[in-house]
Amino acid sequence: MIALGSDHGGFDLKVEIMKHLKERGIEYKDFGTYDKNSCDYPVFGKAAAEAVASGECEKGIVVCTTGIGISMVANKVKGIRCALCSEETSARLTREHNDANMLALGGGFVGPVAACRIVDTFLDTEFSGLEKHSRRINEMMEFEK
């Protein structure tokens, strides 16, 4: 299951992503926001990230206008490695090299067609498992202690 979260600036893109996930037969849980009224991205980014960190959801996708703020919030949750991606290569590499468990997108910068390709790349790419990448991830996660 995929955790989803957005603020009002990412709401429209999140709706497009939800349609795309449904077409692919991928289950998701929407942690809000549920409309385009002005709201605070930390509430929804944190909720989606906590669902991933707890194991309730396998991965997460969060969206705000730039993707920056909501990715910063997600990365405050212990166990989360959220990557802001605006194209497919970054989405592939963050999965292969960083084993990212969350994807952030900027609804004001990435259109729905590109976003769905980025989402597909992120969800369909496995972690490489190479020792050098595992070592670096472990080093990074030591900062949480």
N, C-alpha and C. Protein backbone atom coordinates (compact mmCIF):
# COMPACT_ATOMS: atom_id res chain seq x y z
N MET A 1 0.84 -1.17 0.00
CA MET A 1 0.00 0.00 0.00
C MET A 1 0.89 1.25 0.00
N ILE A 2 0.44 2.26 -0.71
CA ILE A 2 1.18 3.50 -0.85
C ILE A 2 0.50 4.59 -0.02
N ALA A 3 1.27 5.28 0.82
CA ALA A 3 0.76 6.41 1.59
C ALA A 3 0.83 7.65 0.72
N LEU A 4 -0.24 8.42 0.70
CA LEU A 4 -0.28 9.67 -0.06
C LEU A 4 -0.57 10.83 0.87
N GLY A 5 0.04 11.96 0.58
CA GLY A 5 -0.23 13.16 1.34
C GLY A 5 0.07 14.38 0.50
N SER A 6 -0.70 15.44 0.71
CA SER A 6 -0.46 16.69 0.00
C SER A 6 -1.06 17.84 0.78
N ASP A 7 -0.63 19.04 0.42
CA ASP A 7 -1.32 20.23 0.87
C ASP A 7 -2.18 20.73 -0.29
N HIS A 8 -2.74 21.92 -0.15
CA HIS A 8 -3.60 22.46 -1.21
C HIS A 8 -2.84 22.67 -2.51
N GLY A 9 -1.54 23.01 -2.44
CA GLY A 9 -0.75 23.24 -3.64
C GLY A 9 -0.44 21.97 -4.40
N GLY A 10 -0.51 20.83 -3.75
CA GLY A 10 -0.24 19.55 -4.39
C GLY A 10 -1.49 18.72 -4.61
N PHE A 11 -2.64 19.26 -4.20
CA PHE A 11 -3.87 18.46 -4.22
C PHE A 11 -4.21 17.95 -5.62
N ASP A 12 -4.21 18.82 -6.63
CA ASP A 12 -4.61 18.39 -7.97
C ASP A 12 -3.69 17.29 -8.51
N LEU A 13 -2.39 17.43 -8.29
CA LEU A 13 -1.47 16.39 -8.75
C LEU A 13 -1.68 15.10 -7.98
N LYS A 14 -1.94 15.20 -6.69
CA LYS A 14 -2.21 13.98 -5.90
C LYS A 14 -3.43 13.26 -6.45
N VAL A 15 -4.46 13.98 -6.82
CA VAL A 15 -5.67 13.36 -7.39
C VAL A 15 -5.32 12.60 -8.68
N GLU A 16 -4.48 13.21 -9.51
CA GLU A 16 -4.04 12.53 -10.75
C GLU A 16 -3.25 11.27 -10.42
N ILE A 17 -2.40 11.35 -9.42
CA ILE A 17 -1.61 10.18 -9.01
C ILE A 17 -2.53 9.09 -8.47
N MET A 18 -3.54 9.46 -7.72
CA MET A 18 -4.50 8.47 -7.20
C MET A 18 -5.20 7.75 -8.35
N LYS A 19 -5.62 8.49 -9.37
CA LYS A 19 -6.25 7.87 -10.54
C LYS A 19 -5.29 6.89 -11.20
N HIS A 20 -4.05 7.31 -11.33
CA HIS A 20 -3.04 6.47 -11.98
C HIS A 20 -2.78 5.19 -11.18
N LEU A 21 -2.65 5.33 -9.88
CA LEU A 21 -2.43 4.15 -9.03
C LEU A 21 -3.62 3.20 -9.14
N LYS A 22 -4.82 3.75 -9.15
CA LYS A 22 -6.02 2.92 -9.27
C LYS A 22 -6.01 2.16 -10.60
N GLU A 23 -5.63 2.85 -11.69
CA GLU A 23 -5.55 2.20 -13.00
C GLU A 23 -4.53 1.06 -12.99
N ARG A 24 -3.47 1.21 -12.23
CA ARG A 24 -2.43 0.18 -12.13
C ARG A 24 -2.80 -0.92 -11.13
N GLY A 25 -3.88 -0.73 -10.40
CA GLY A 25 -4.27 -1.72 -9.41
C GLY A 25 -3.43 -1.67 -8.14
N ILE A 26 -2.86 -0.51 -7.86
CA ILE A 26 -2.03 -0.33 -6.68
C ILE A 26 -2.85 0.33 -5.58
N GLU A 27 -2.92 -0.31 -4.43
CA GLU A 27 -3.67 0.24 -3.31
C GLU A 27 -2.93 1.42 -2.70
N TYR A 28 -3.71 2.38 -2.22
CA TYR A 28 -3.13 3.55 -1.56
C TYR A 28 -4.04 3.99 -0.43
N LYS A 29 -3.46 4.77 0.46
CA LYS A 29 -4.22 5.39 1.54
C LYS A 29 -3.91 6.87 1.52
N ASP A 30 -4.94 7.68 1.43
CA ASP A 30 -4.80 9.14 1.34
C ASP A 30 -4.87 9.73 2.74
N PHE A 31 -3.79 10.38 3.14
CA PHE A 31 -3.72 11.01 4.46
C PHE A 31 -4.05 12.49 4.41
N GLY A 32 -4.63 12.95 3.30
CA GLY A 32 -5.07 14.33 3.17
C GLY A 32 -4.02 15.19 2.49
N THR A 33 -4.40 16.36 2.25
CA THR A 33 -5.63 17.07 2.43
C THR A 33 -6.66 16.56 1.43
N TYR A 34 -7.90 16.91 1.69
CA TYR A 34 -8.99 16.35 0.89
C TYR A 34 -9.69 17.38 0.03
N ASP A 35 -9.15 18.60 -0.03
CA ASP A 35 -9.70 19.65 -0.89
C ASP A 35 -8.62 20.70 -1.11
N LYS A 36 -8.96 21.77 -1.83
CA LYS A 36 -7.97 22.78 -2.18
C LYS A 36 -7.98 23.99 -1.25
N ASN A 37 -8.62 23.87 -0.10
CA ASN A 37 -8.57 24.95 0.88
C ASN A 37 -7.16 25.05 1.45
N SER A 38 -6.71 26.26 1.70
CA SER A 38 -5.37 26.48 2.23
C SER A 38 -5.16 25.69 3.52
N CYS A 39 -4.02 25.03 3.60
CA CYS A 39 -3.71 24.19 4.76
C CYS A 39 -2.20 24.12 4.93
N ASP A 40 -1.76 23.44 5.96
CA ASP A 40 -0.35 23.35 6.29
C ASP A 40 0.21 21.98 5.91
N TYR A 41 1.20 21.98 5.01
CA TYR A 41 1.77 20.72 4.51
C TYR A 41 2.38 19.84 5.60
N PRO A 42 2.91 20.39 6.72
CA PRO A 42 3.51 19.48 7.71
C PRO A 42 2.54 18.44 8.26
N VAL A 43 1.28 18.80 8.38
CA VAL A 43 0.29 17.86 8.93
C VAL A 43 0.19 16.62 8.05
N PHE A 44 0.10 16.82 6.76
CA PHE A 44 -0.16 15.71 5.83
C PHE A 44 1.11 14.98 5.45
N GLY A 45 2.21 15.70 5.35
CA GLY A 45 3.49 15.05 5.09
C GLY A 45 3.90 14.14 6.23
N LYS A 46 3.70 14.61 7.45
CA LYS A 46 4.03 13.81 8.63
C LYS A 46 3.16 12.56 8.71
N ALA A 47 1.87 12.71 8.47
CA ALA A 47 0.95 11.56 8.56
C ALA A 47 1.33 10.47 7.55
N ALA A 48 1.63 10.87 6.32
CA ALA A 48 2.02 9.89 5.31
C ALA A 48 3.35 9.24 5.68
N ALA A 49 4.31 10.04 6.15
CA ALA A 49 5.62 9.49 6.52
C ALA A 49 5.52 8.54 7.70
N GLU A 50 4.70 8.86 8.68
CA GLU A 50 4.53 7.96 9.83
C GLU A 50 3.93 6.63 9.41
N ALA A 51 3.05 6.65 8.42
CA ALA A 51 2.46 5.40 7.93
C ALA A 51 3.52 4.52 7.27
N VAL A 52 4.47 5.14 6.57
CA VAL A 52 5.55 4.38 5.96
C VAL A 52 6.51 3.88 7.04
N ALA A 53 6.88 4.76 7.95
CA ALA A 53 7.84 4.39 9.00
C ALA A 53 7.31 3.26 9.88
N SER A 54 6.00 3.24 10.12
CA SER A 54 5.40 2.21 10.98
C SER A 54 5.21 0.88 10.27
N GLY A 55 5.31 0.90 8.94
CA GLY A 55 5.07 -0.32 8.17
C GLY A 55 3.64 -0.47 7.71
N GLU A 56 2.78 0.47 8.08
CA GLU A 56 1.39 0.43 7.61
C GLU A 56 1.36 0.50 6.08
N CYS A 57 2.24 1.30 5.51
CA CYS A 57 2.36 1.44 4.06
C CYS A 57 3.80 1.13 3.65
N GLU A 58 3.94 0.55 2.47
CA GLU A 58 5.27 0.15 1.99
C GLU A 58 6.10 1.34 1.55
N LYS A 59 5.48 2.26 0.83
CA LYS A 59 6.15 3.46 0.33
C LYS A 59 5.17 4.62 0.43
N GLY A 60 5.69 5.83 0.19
CA GLY A 60 4.84 7.01 0.25
C GLY A 60 5.15 7.99 -0.86
N ILE A 61 4.13 8.79 -1.18
CA ILE A 61 4.26 9.86 -2.17
C ILE A 61 3.61 11.09 -1.56
N VAL A 62 4.38 12.18 -1.50
CA VAL A 62 3.87 13.43 -0.95
C VAL A 62 4.06 14.55 -1.96
N VAL A 63 3.11 15.51 -1.94
CA VAL A 63 3.12 16.58 -2.94
C VAL A 63 2.74 17.90 -2.28
N CYS A 64 3.54 18.91 -2.54
CA CYS A 64 3.16 20.29 -2.24
C CYS A 64 3.51 21.11 -3.49
N THR A 65 3.43 22.41 -3.42
CA THR A 65 3.66 23.21 -4.63
C THR A 65 5.05 22.97 -5.20
N THR A 66 6.08 23.00 -4.36
CA THR A 66 7.45 22.79 -4.83
C THR A 66 7.95 21.38 -4.56
N GLY A 67 7.36 20.71 -3.59
CA GLY A 67 7.85 19.41 -3.12
C GLY A 67 8.92 19.55 -2.06
N ILE A 68 9.44 20.74 -1.87
CA ILE A 68 10.54 20.95 -0.94
C ILE A 68 10.08 20.84 0.51
N GLY A 69 9.10 21.63 0.88
CA GLY A 69 8.66 21.63 2.28
C GLY A 69 8.16 20.28 2.75
N ILE A 70 7.34 19.65 1.93
CA ILE A 70 6.74 18.38 2.35
C ILE A 70 7.79 17.26 2.39
N SER A 71 8.84 17.37 1.55
CA SER A 71 9.92 16.37 1.63
C SER A 71 10.73 16.59 2.91
N MET A 72 10.93 17.84 3.29
CA MET A 72 11.67 18.13 4.52
C MET A 72 10.92 17.59 5.73
N VAL A 73 9.61 17.75 5.75
CA VAL A 73 8.78 17.22 6.84
C VAL A 73 8.89 15.71 6.89
N ALA A 74 8.72 15.05 5.75
CA ALA A 74 8.78 13.59 5.72
C ALA A 74 10.12 13.09 6.25
N ASN A 75 11.20 13.77 5.89
CA ASN A 75 12.52 13.34 6.32
C ASN A 75 12.79 13.57 7.80
N LYS A 76 11.92 14.28 8.49
CA LYS A 76 12.04 14.44 9.94
C LYS A 76 11.56 13.20 10.69
N VAL A 77 10.80 12.35 10.02
CA VAL A 77 10.26 11.14 10.64
C VAL A 77 11.33 10.05 10.58
N LYS A 78 11.64 9.48 11.73
CA LYS A 78 12.68 8.45 11.82
C LYS A 78 12.37 7.29 10.88
N GLY A 79 13.39 6.91 10.10
CA GLY A 79 13.24 5.79 9.18
C GLY A 79 12.86 6.17 7.77
N ILE A 80 12.61 7.45 7.56
CA ILE A 80 12.18 7.89 6.22
C ILE A 80 13.36 8.42 5.43
N ARG A 81 13.38 8.02 4.15
CA ARG A 81 14.31 8.56 3.17
C ARG A 81 13.45 9.03 2.00
N CYS A 82 13.10 10.32 2.04
CA CYS A 82 12.22 10.91 1.04
C CYS A 82 13.05 11.71 0.05
N ALA A 83 12.84 11.46 -1.23
CA ALA A 83 13.58 12.15 -2.28
C ALA A 83 12.63 12.99 -3.13
N LEU A 84 13.00 14.23 -3.32
CA LEU A 84 12.28 15.13 -4.22
C LEU A 84 12.80 14.88 -5.63
N CYS A 85 11.91 14.47 -6.52
CA CYS A 85 12.31 14.15 -7.89
C CYS A 85 11.43 14.92 -8.88
N SER A 86 12.06 15.39 -9.94
CA SER A 86 11.31 16.10 -10.97
C SER A 86 11.45 15.43 -12.34
N GLU A 87 12.16 14.31 -12.36
CA GLU A 87 12.30 13.54 -13.60
C GLU A 87 12.60 12.08 -13.25
N GLU A 88 12.48 11.23 -14.24
CA GLU A 88 12.55 9.78 -14.02
C GLU A 88 13.92 9.27 -13.59
N THR A 89 14.99 9.85 -14.08
CA THR A 89 16.32 9.35 -13.74
C THR A 89 16.58 9.48 -12.24
N SER A 90 16.23 10.61 -11.66
CA SER A 90 16.40 10.78 -10.22
C SER A 90 15.56 9.78 -9.44
N ALA A 91 14.35 9.53 -9.91
CA ALA A 91 13.47 8.57 -9.24
C ALA A 91 14.09 7.17 -9.28
N ARG A 92 14.66 6.81 -10.41
CA ARG A 92 15.30 5.49 -10.53
C ARG A 92 16.52 5.40 -9.63
N LEU A 93 17.36 6.42 -9.69
CA LEU A 93 18.61 6.37 -8.92
C LEU A 93 18.37 6.44 -7.41
N THR A 94 17.37 7.17 -6.98
CA THR A 94 17.13 7.23 -5.53
C THR A 94 16.62 5.91 -4.98
N ARG A 95 15.97 5.13 -5.82
CA ARG A 95 15.57 3.78 -5.40
C ARG A 95 16.78 2.84 -5.46
N GLU A 96 17.53 2.87 -6.56
CA GLU A 96 18.66 1.97 -6.72
C GLU A 96 19.78 2.24 -5.71
N HIS A 97 20.08 3.49 -5.45
CA HIS A 97 21.23 3.86 -4.63
C HIS A 97 20.88 4.17 -3.18
N ASN A 98 19.72 4.79 -2.95
CA ASN A 98 19.37 5.27 -1.61
C ASN A 98 18.26 4.47 -0.95
N ASP A 99 17.67 3.54 -1.68
CA ASP A 99 16.53 2.77 -1.17
C ASP A 99 15.48 3.71 -0.57
N ALA A 100 15.24 4.84 -1.26
CA ALA A 100 14.25 5.81 -0.79
C ALA A 100 12.90 5.13 -0.62
N ASN A 101 12.24 5.46 0.48
CA ASN A 101 10.92 4.86 0.72
C ASN A 101 9.79 5.86 0.52
N MET A 102 10.15 7.10 0.21
CA MET A 102 9.14 8.10 -0.11
C MET A 102 9.62 8.98 -1.27
N LEU A 103 8.66 9.40 -2.05
CA LEU A 103 8.87 10.28 -3.19
C LEU A 103 8.13 11.58 -2.94
N ALA A 104 8.79 12.69 -3.18
CA ALA A 104 8.13 14.00 -3.12
C ALA A 104 8.10 14.60 -4.52
N LEU A 105 7.00 15.26 -4.83
CA LEU A 105 6.82 15.91 -6.12
C LEU A 105 6.34 17.33 -5.90
N GLY A 106 6.68 18.21 -6.83
CA GLY A 106 6.21 19.59 -6.79
C GLY A 106 5.06 19.78 -7.76
N GLY A 107 3.87 19.96 -7.22
CA GLY A 107 2.67 20.11 -8.05
C GLY A 107 2.70 21.34 -8.94
N GLY A 108 3.49 22.33 -8.58
CA GLY A 108 3.61 23.53 -9.40
C GLY A 108 4.68 23.42 -10.47
N PHE A 109 5.42 22.33 -10.48
CA PHE A 109 6.55 22.19 -11.39
C PHE A 109 6.49 20.96 -12.28
N VAL A 110 5.78 19.94 -11.86
CA VAL A 110 5.70 18.67 -12.60
C VAL A 110 4.25 18.45 -13.02
N GLY A 111 4.04 18.27 -14.30
CA GLY A 111 2.70 18.01 -14.80
C GLY A 111 2.27 16.58 -14.54
N PRO A 112 1.00 16.29 -14.75
CA PRO A 112 0.48 14.96 -14.42
C PRO A 112 1.08 13.82 -15.22
N VAL A 113 1.37 14.02 -16.50
CA VAL A 113 1.94 12.94 -17.32
C VAL A 113 3.34 12.61 -16.81
N ALA A 114 4.16 13.64 -16.64
CA ALA A 114 5.52 13.42 -16.14
C ALA A 114 5.48 12.83 -14.73
N ALA A 115 4.58 13.34 -13.89
CA ALA A 115 4.49 12.85 -12.51
C ALA A 115 4.17 11.37 -12.49
N CYS A 116 3.26 10.93 -13.33
CA CYS A 116 2.90 9.50 -13.34
C CYS A 116 4.06 8.64 -13.82
N ARG A 117 4.86 9.15 -14.75
CA ARG A 117 6.05 8.41 -15.17
C ARG A 117 7.08 8.34 -14.04
N ILE A 118 7.22 9.44 -13.32
CA ILE A 118 8.14 9.45 -12.17
C ILE A 118 7.67 8.48 -11.11
N VAL A 119 6.37 8.49 -10.83
CA VAL A 119 5.79 7.57 -9.85
C VAL A 119 6.03 6.13 -10.27
N ASP A 120 5.78 5.82 -11.53
CA ASP A 120 5.99 4.45 -12.01
C ASP A 120 7.45 4.03 -11.84
N THR A 121 8.35 4.91 -12.21
CA THR A 121 9.78 4.60 -12.09
C THR A 121 10.14 4.36 -10.63
N PHE A 122 9.67 5.23 -9.76
CA PHE A 122 9.95 5.09 -8.33
C PHE A 122 9.41 3.77 -7.79
N LEU A 123 8.17 3.46 -8.10
CA LEU A 123 7.54 2.25 -7.55
C LEU A 123 8.08 0.96 -8.18
N ASP A 124 8.51 1.02 -9.42
CA ASP A 124 8.93 -0.19 -10.13
C ASP A 124 10.42 -0.48 -10.03
N THR A 125 11.19 0.43 -9.45
CA THR A 125 12.64 0.25 -9.35
C THR A 125 12.99 -0.34 -8.00
N GLU A 126 13.78 -1.39 -8.01
CA GLU A 126 14.23 -2.04 -6.78
C GLU A 126 15.56 -1.43 -6.32
N PHE A 127 15.83 -1.53 -5.04
CA PHE A 127 17.12 -1.17 -4.48
C PHE A 127 18.17 -2.12 -5.05
N SER A 128 19.33 -1.58 -5.42
CA SER A 128 20.37 -2.40 -6.05
C SER A 128 20.95 -3.45 -5.10
N GLY A 129 20.97 -3.14 -3.82
CA GLY A 129 21.55 -4.07 -2.84
C GLY A 129 23.06 -4.09 -2.83
N LEU A 130 23.69 -3.26 -3.64
CA LEU A 130 25.15 -3.24 -3.66
C LEU A 130 25.69 -2.82 -2.29
N GLU A 131 26.80 -3.44 -1.92
CA GLU A 131 27.39 -3.18 -0.60
C GLU A 131 27.67 -1.70 -0.39
N LYS A 132 28.21 -1.02 -1.38
CA LYS A 132 28.55 0.40 -1.21
C LYS A 132 27.32 1.24 -0.93
N HIS A 133 26.19 0.90 -1.55
CA HIS A 133 24.96 1.66 -1.31
C HIS A 133 24.38 1.33 0.06
N SER A 134 24.41 0.06 0.43
CA SER A 134 23.93 -0.34 1.76
C SER A 134 24.76 0.32 2.85
N ARG A 135 26.06 0.36 2.66
CA ARG A 135 26.94 0.99 3.63
C ARG A 135 26.60 2.47 3.80
N ARG A 136 26.40 3.15 2.71
CA ARG A 136 26.10 4.59 2.76
C ARG A 136 24.74 4.86 3.40
N ILE A 137 23.78 4.02 3.11
CA ILE A 137 22.46 4.17 3.73
C ILE A 137 22.58 3.97 5.24
N ASN A 138 23.32 2.94 5.65
CA ASN A 138 23.51 2.71 7.09
C ASN A 138 24.20 3.89 7.75
N GLU A 139 25.19 4.46 7.09
CA GLU A 139 25.86 5.64 7.63
C GLU A 139 24.88 6.80 7.78
N MET A 140 24.05 7.01 6.77
CA MET A 140 23.06 8.08 6.82
C MET A 140 22.07 7.87 7.95
N MET A 141 21.60 6.65 8.11
CA MET A 141 20.58 6.37 9.12
C MET A 141 21.14 6.46 10.53
N GLU A 142 22.46 6.37 10.68
CA GLU A 142 23.08 6.56 11.99
C GLU A 142 22.86 7.97 12.52
N PHE A 143 22.61 8.93 11.65
CA PHE A 143 22.37 10.31 12.09
C PHE A 143 21.10 10.43 12.93
N GLU A 144 20.20 9.47 12.79
CA GLU A 144 18.93 9.52 13.53
C GLU A 144 19.10 9.13 15.00
N LYS A 145 20.20 8.51 15.33
CA LYS A 145 20.36 8.00 16.70
C LYS A 145 20.82 9.05 17.65
